[in-house]
C-alpha atoms as a PDB file:
ATOM      1  CA  MET A   1      -2.307  -1.733  15.052  1.00  0.00           C
ATOM      2  CA  VAL A   2       1.444  -1.534  15.422  1.00  0.00           C
ATOM      3  CA  TYR A   3       4.312  -1.432  12.990  1.00  0.00           C
ATOM      4  CA  GLY A   4       7.988  -2.174  13.143  1.00  0.00           C
ATOM      5  CA  LEU A   5      10.794  -1.034  10.888  1.00  0.00           C
ATOM      6  CA  PHE A   6      13.612  -3.196   9.604  1.00  0.00           C
ATOM      7  CA  GLU A   7      16.875  -2.247   7.929  1.00  0.00           C
ATOM      8  CA  SER A   8      18.539  -3.825   4.924  1.00  0.00           C
ATOM      9  CA  LYS A   9      21.186  -2.913   2.392  1.00  0.00           C
ATOM     10  CA  PHE A  10      18.244  -1.879   0.173  1.00  0.00           C
ATOM     11  CA  GLY A  11      16.856   0.586   2.713  1.00  0.00           C
ATOM     12  CA  THR A  12      14.227   0.569   5.440  1.00  0.00           C
ATOM     13  CA  GLY A  13      11.149  -1.654   5.301  1.00  0.00           C
ATOM     14  CA  ALA A  14       8.147  -2.062   7.561  1.00  0.00           C
ATOM     15  CA  VAL A  15       5.823  -4.749   8.868  1.00  0.00           C
ATOM     16  CA  ILE A  16       2.286  -4.043  10.093  1.00  0.00           C
ATOM     17  CA  LEU A  17       0.579  -6.085  12.831  1.00  0.00           C
ATOM     18  CA  SER A  18      -3.121  -6.174  13.630  1.00  0.00           C
ATOM     19  CA  SER A  19      -4.322  -5.586  17.179  1.00  0.00           C
ATOM     20  CA  ASP A  20      -4.275  -9.369  17.737  1.00  0.00           C
ATOM     21  CA  GLY A  21      -0.632  -9.673  16.596  1.00  0.00           C
ATOM     22  CA  ALA A  22      -1.142 -11.097  13.089  1.00  0.00           C
ATOM     23  CA  VAL A  23       0.951  -9.715  10.252  1.00  0.00           C
ATOM     24  CA  VAL A  24      -1.265  -7.647   7.961  1.00  0.00           C
ATOM     25  CA  GLU A  25       1.243  -6.256   5.486  1.00  0.00           C
ATOM     26  CA  VAL A  26       4.943  -6.058   4.679  1.00  0.00           C
ATOM     27  CA  PHE A  27       6.408  -3.006   2.986  1.00  0.00           C
ATOM     28  CA  LEU A  28       9.624  -3.929   1.204  1.00  0.00           C
ATOM     29  CA  PRO A  29      12.461  -1.436   1.714  1.00  0.00           C
ATOM     30  CA  ALA A  30      11.856   1.915   0.033  1.00  0.00           C
ATOM     31  CA  ALA A  31      12.474   5.616   0.546  1.00  0.00           C
ATOM     32  CA  GLY A  32       9.964   7.333   2.798  1.00  0.00           C
ATOM     33  CA  ILE A  33       8.653   4.078   4.261  1.00  0.00           C
ATOM     34  CA  GLU A  34       7.244   5.646   7.452  1.00  0.00           C
ATOM     35  CA  LYS A  35       5.253   8.173   5.415  1.00  0.00           C
ATOM     36  CA  MET A  36       3.777   5.272   3.403  1.00  0.00           C
ATOM     37  CA  VAL A  37       2.903   3.374   6.569  1.00  0.00           C
ATOM     38  CA  ASN A  38       1.409   6.439   8.279  1.00  0.00           C
ATOM     39  CA  LYS A  39      -0.661   7.278   5.192  1.00  0.00           C
ATOM     40  CA  LYS A  40      -2.121   3.765   4.890  1.00  0.00           C
ATOM     41  CA  TYR A  41      -2.317   3.010   8.636  1.00  0.00           C
ATOM     42  CA  PRO A  42      -2.625   6.357  10.443  1.00  0.00           C
ATOM     43  CA  GLU A  43      -3.684   4.646  13.673  1.00  0.00           C
ATOM     44  CA  ALA A  44      -0.605   2.373  13.775  1.00  0.00           C
ATOM     45  CA  VAL A  45       1.951   2.885  16.540  1.00  0.00           C
ATOM     46  CA  ARG A  46       5.631   2.207  15.973  1.00  0.00           C
ATOM     47  CA  LYS A  47       7.106  -0.460  18.247  1.00  0.00           C
ATOM     48  CA  SER A  48       9.927  -2.939  18.290  1.00  0.00           C
ATOM     49  CA  ILE A  49       8.411  -6.212  17.077  1.00  0.00           C
ATOM     50  CA  LYS A  50       9.909  -9.653  16.510  1.00  0.00           C
ATOM     51  CA  GLU A  51       8.650  -9.890  12.903  1.00  0.00           C
ATOM     52  CA  ALA A  52      10.659  -6.784  11.974  1.00  0.00           C
ATOM     53  CA  ALA A  53      13.750  -8.309  13.597  1.00  0.00           C
ATOM     54  CA  MET A  54      13.146 -11.521  11.636  1.00  0.00           C
ATOM     55  CA  LEU A  55      12.922  -9.591   8.361  1.00  0.00           C
ATOM     56  CA  GLU A  56      16.093  -7.681   9.177  1.00  0.00           C
ATOM     57  CA  SER A  57      17.828 -10.994   9.835  1.00  0.00           C
ATOM     58  CA  TYR A  58      16.532 -12.404   6.533  1.00  0.00           C
ATOM     59  CA  PHE A  59      17.794  -9.403   4.571  1.00  0.00           C
ATOM     60  CA  ALA A  60      21.178  -9.807   6.280  1.00  0.00           C
ATOM     61  CA  GLY A  61      21.376 -13.264   4.662  1.00  0.00           C
ATOM     62  CA  LYS A  62      20.478 -15.388   7.660  1.00  0.00           C
ATOM     63  CA  ASP A  63      18.289 -18.458   7.228  1.00  0.00           C
ATOM     64  CA  GLU A  64      15.109 -17.106   8.778  1.00  0.00           C
ATOM     65  CA  SER A  65      11.943 -19.217   8.800  1.00  0.00           C
ATOM     66  CA  PHE A  66       8.596 -17.430   8.675  1.00  0.00           C
ATOM     67  CA  ARG A  67       6.423 -20.569   8.623  1.00  0.00           C
ATOM     68  CA  ASP A  68       5.040 -19.993  12.119  1.00  0.00           C
ATOM     69  CA  VAL A  69       4.387 -16.272  11.732  1.00  0.00           C
ATOM     70  CA  ASN A  70       0.685 -15.524  12.197  1.00  0.00           C
ATOM     71  CA  VAL A  71      -0.670 -13.817   9.048  1.00  0.00           C
ATOM     72  CA  ASP A  72      -4.013 -12.043   8.743  1.00  0.00           C
ATOM     73  CA  PHE A  73      -5.734 -13.374   5.600  1.00  0.00           C
ATOM     74  CA  SER A  74      -9.050 -11.629   6.227  1.00  0.00           C
ATOM     75  CA  GLY A  75     -10.657 -10.281   3.084  1.00  0.00           C
ATOM     76  CA  LEU A  76      -8.775 -12.611   0.746  1.00  0.00           C
ATOM     77  CA  PRO A  77     -10.599 -15.195  -1.391  1.00  0.00           C
ATOM     78  CA  LEU A  78     -10.418 -18.819  -0.237  1.00  0.00           C
ATOM     79  CA  PHE A  79      -8.300 -20.003  -3.192  1.00  0.00           C
ATOM     80  CA  THR A  80      -5.838 -17.159  -2.580  1.00  0.00           C
ATOM     81  CA  VAL A  81      -5.483 -18.246   1.045  1.00  0.00           C
ATOM     82  CA  LYS A  82      -4.946 -21.862  -0.069  1.00  0.00           C
ATOM     83  CA  VAL A  83      -2.197 -20.795  -2.486  1.00  0.00           C
ATOM     84  CA  LEU A  84      -0.503 -18.531   0.054  1.00  0.00           C
ATOM     85  CA  ASN A  85      -0.563 -21.242   2.720  1.00  0.00           C
ATOM     86  CA  ALA A  86       0.739 -23.824   0.238  1.00  0.00           C
ATOM     87  CA  ILE A  87       3.739 -21.784  -0.859  1.00  0.00           C
ATOM     88  CA  ARG A  88       4.760 -21.155   2.733  1.00  0.00           C
ATOM     89  CA  LYS A  89       6.055 -24.731   2.581  1.00  0.00           C
ATOM     90  CA  ILE A  90       8.579 -24.032  -0.215  1.00  0.00           C
ATOM     91  CA  PRO A  91      12.027 -24.222   1.420  1.00  0.00           C
ATOM     92  CA  ARG A  92      14.467 -21.331   1.189  1.00  0.00           C
ATOM     93  CA  GLY A  93      16.470 -21.476  -2.019  1.00  0.00           C
ATOM     94  CA  GLU A  94      13.978 -23.718  -3.809  1.00  0.00           C
ATOM     95  CA  THR A  95      11.407 -22.708  -6.404  1.00  0.00           C
ATOM     96  CA  VAL A  96       8.264 -24.117  -7.971  1.00  0.00           C
ATOM     97  CA  THR A  97       6.267 -23.178 -11.048  1.00  0.00           C
ATOM     98  CA  TYR A  98       2.845 -21.539 -10.997  1.00  0.00           C
ATOM     99  CA  LYS A  99       1.398 -24.890 -12.071  1.00  0.00           C
ATOM    100  CA  GLN A 100       3.089 -26.618  -9.143  1.00  0.00           C
ATOM    101  CA  ALA A 101       1.823 -23.902  -6.777  1.00  0.00           C
ATOM    102  CA  ALA A 102      -1.702 -24.478  -8.095  1.00  0.00           C
ATOM    103  CA  ALA A 103      -1.322 -28.218  -7.524  1.00  0.00           C
ATOM    104  CA  MET A 104      -0.030 -27.574  -3.998  1.00  0.00           C
ATOM    105  CA  ALA A 105      -3.235 -25.569  -3.390  1.00  0.00           C
ATOM    106  CA  GLY A 106      -5.396 -28.411  -4.697  1.00  0.00           C
ATOM    107  CA  ASN A 107      -6.082 -27.460  -8.329  1.00  0.00           C
ATOM    108  CA  ILE A 108      -3.364 -28.367 -10.845  1.00  0.00           C
ATOM    109  CA  LYS A 109      -5.320 -26.684 -13.663  1.00  0.00           C
ATOM    110  CA  ALA A 110      -5.375 -23.297 -11.942  1.00  0.00           C
ATOM    111  CA  ALA A 111      -1.877 -21.983 -12.731  1.00  0.00           C
ATOM    112  CA  ARG A 112      -3.193 -18.576 -13.862  1.00  0.00           C
ATOM    113  CA  ALA A 113      -5.427 -18.332 -10.808  1.00  0.00           C
ATOM    114  CA  ALA A 114      -2.424 -19.203  -8.622  1.00  0.00           C
ATOM    115  CA  GLY A 115      -0.464 -16.372 -10.250  1.00  0.00           C
ATOM    116  CA  SER A 116      -3.348 -14.022  -9.591  1.00  0.00           C
ATOM    117  CA  ALA A 117      -3.526 -15.207  -5.984  1.00  0.00           C
ATOM    118  CA  LEU A 118       0.190 -14.586  -5.513  1.00  0.00           C
ATOM    119  CA  SER A 119      -0.182 -11.048  -6.845  1.00  0.00           C
ATOM    120  CA  ARG A 120      -2.470 -10.395  -3.841  1.00  0.00           C
ATOM    121  CA  ASN A 121       0.138 -11.500  -1.303  1.00  0.00           C
ATOM    122  CA  PRO A 122       0.184  -8.712   1.300  1.00  0.00           C
ATOM    123  CA  VAL A 123       3.228 -10.120   3.096  1.00  0.00           C
ATOM    124  CA  PRO A 124       6.075 -10.786   0.648  1.00  0.00           C
ATOM    125  CA  VAL A 125       9.069 -12.647   2.113  1.00  0.00           C
ATOM    126  CA  ILE A 126       6.949 -13.953   5.017  1.00  0.00           C
ATOM    127  CA  ILE A 127       4.887 -15.733   2.361  1.00  0.00           C
ATOM    128  CA  PRO A 128       7.630 -16.442  -0.204  1.00  0.00           C
ATOM    129  CA  CYS A 129       5.797 -15.749  -3.465  1.00  0.00           C
ATOM    130  CA  HIS A 130       9.169 -14.867  -5.023  1.00  0.00           C
ATOM    131  CA  ARG A 131       9.895 -18.612  -4.997  1.00  0.00           C
ATOM    132  CA  VAL A 132       7.194 -19.241  -7.615  1.00  0.00           C
ATOM    133  CA  LEU A 133       8.400 -18.961 -11.199  1.00  0.00           C
ATOM    134  CA  ALA A 134       6.912 -19.215 -14.664  1.00  0.00           C
ATOM    135  CA  LYS A 135       7.583 -22.402 -16.612  1.00  0.00           C
ATOM    136  CA  ASN A 136       9.974 -20.540 -18.928  1.00  0.00           C
ATOM    137  CA  GLY A 137      11.150 -17.588 -16.871  1.00  0.00           C
ATOM    138  CA  LEU A 138      10.715 -15.537 -13.741  1.00  0.00           C
ATOM    139  CA  GLY A 139       7.040 -14.689 -13.997  1.00  0.00           C
ATOM    140  CA  GLY A 140       5.745 -11.648 -12.163  1.00  0.00           C
ATOM    141  CA  PHE A 141       6.091 -10.129  -8.725  1.00  0.00           C
ATOM    142  CA  SER A 142       3.865  -7.511  -7.120  1.00  0.00           C
ATOM    143  CA  ALA A 143       6.850  -5.363  -6.109  1.00  0.00           C
ATOM    144  CA  GLY A 144       8.522  -5.785  -9.514  1.00  0.00           C
ATOM    145  CA  ILE A 145      10.966  -8.219 -11.057  1.00  0.00           C
ATOM    146  CA  LYS A 146      13.941  -6.359  -9.559  1.00  0.00           C
ATOM    147  CA  TRP A 147      12.687  -7.300  -6.091  1.00  0.00           C
ATOM    148  CA  LYS A 148      12.016 -10.896  -7.094  1.00  0.00           C
ATOM    149  CA  LEU A 149      15.595 -11.200  -8.325  1.00  0.00           C
ATOM    150  CA  ARG A 150      16.952  -9.573  -5.149  1.00  0.00           C
ATOM    151  CA  LEU A 151      15.071 -11.981  -2.906  1.00  0.00           C
ATOM    152  CA  LEU A 152      16.115 -15.017  -4.928  1.00  0.00           C
ATOM    153  CA  GLU A 153      19.719 -13.811  -4.858  1.00  0.00           C
ATOM    154  CA  ILE A 154      19.653 -13.327  -1.070  1.00  0.00           C
ATOM    155  CA  GLU A 155      18.583 -16.955  -0.721  1.00  0.00           C
ATOM    156  CA  LYS A 156      21.021 -18.233  -3.337  1.00  0.00           C
ATOM    157  CA  ARG A 157      23.915 -16.554  -1.578  1.00  0.00           C
ATOM    158  CA  LYS A 158      22.990 -18.255   1.666  1.00  0.00           C
ATOM    159  CA  LEU A 159      22.745 -21.655   0.010  1.00  0.00           C
ATOM    160  CA  THR A 160      25.992 -21.385  -1.935  1.00  0.00           C
ATOM    161  CA  GLY A 161      27.928 -19.881   0.942  1.00  0.00           C
ATOM    162  CA  ARG A 162      28.902 -16.766  -1.012  1.00  0.00           C
ATOM    163  CA  VAL A 163      29.285 -13.605   1.005  1.00  0.00           C
ATOM    164  CA  ALA A 164      26.938 -10.703   0.180  1.00  0.00           C
END
C-alpha cells in the first residue's frame, strides 16, 4: 500500500492506495494525519500520487473530476456499492436527496438504506456523498456536518465564481 498527502486551507489530508492502485480510503484534512495513516496502515509507504494531487486541486477550488478514479469497494455490501457508484454521477455543485440516491441505485423505497450506505463511504470527495441531502435539510455526513458544509461551499464558490 502507498499513501499520498494533500494540502488544503483546512490542513493536511491523505489518500490511501492498495497495491493494485485503487483508492482504499481518504482522510479529510486533520491534525496529525500521518500518525492516523501510520496507525491504520503501518505497511503503507508515502509517495507522490496523482489522487493526492487531484484532491489538493479540488480543495483549491478547481473543478476536479474523480469519476474515473479506481476505488476499492471490497468488503462493502452490494447495495452500498450500487449507491456509491450511482452518486459518482452527481455533477459538482448539484445535490440530490437520499430518496433520489436510492432511486439512482435501483430502489426508490430504500432512502434510509441509501443513507446508511453513504455513511460507509471510505472515500469522501472522490465519491461525493456530501452532495446527498435530506428532504428537509442537510442530512448526515460521516466526517460531520461541518465538513459537509465545507465541501458544498467549495463547490458553490466554484459555480458562482466567488473567490475563496
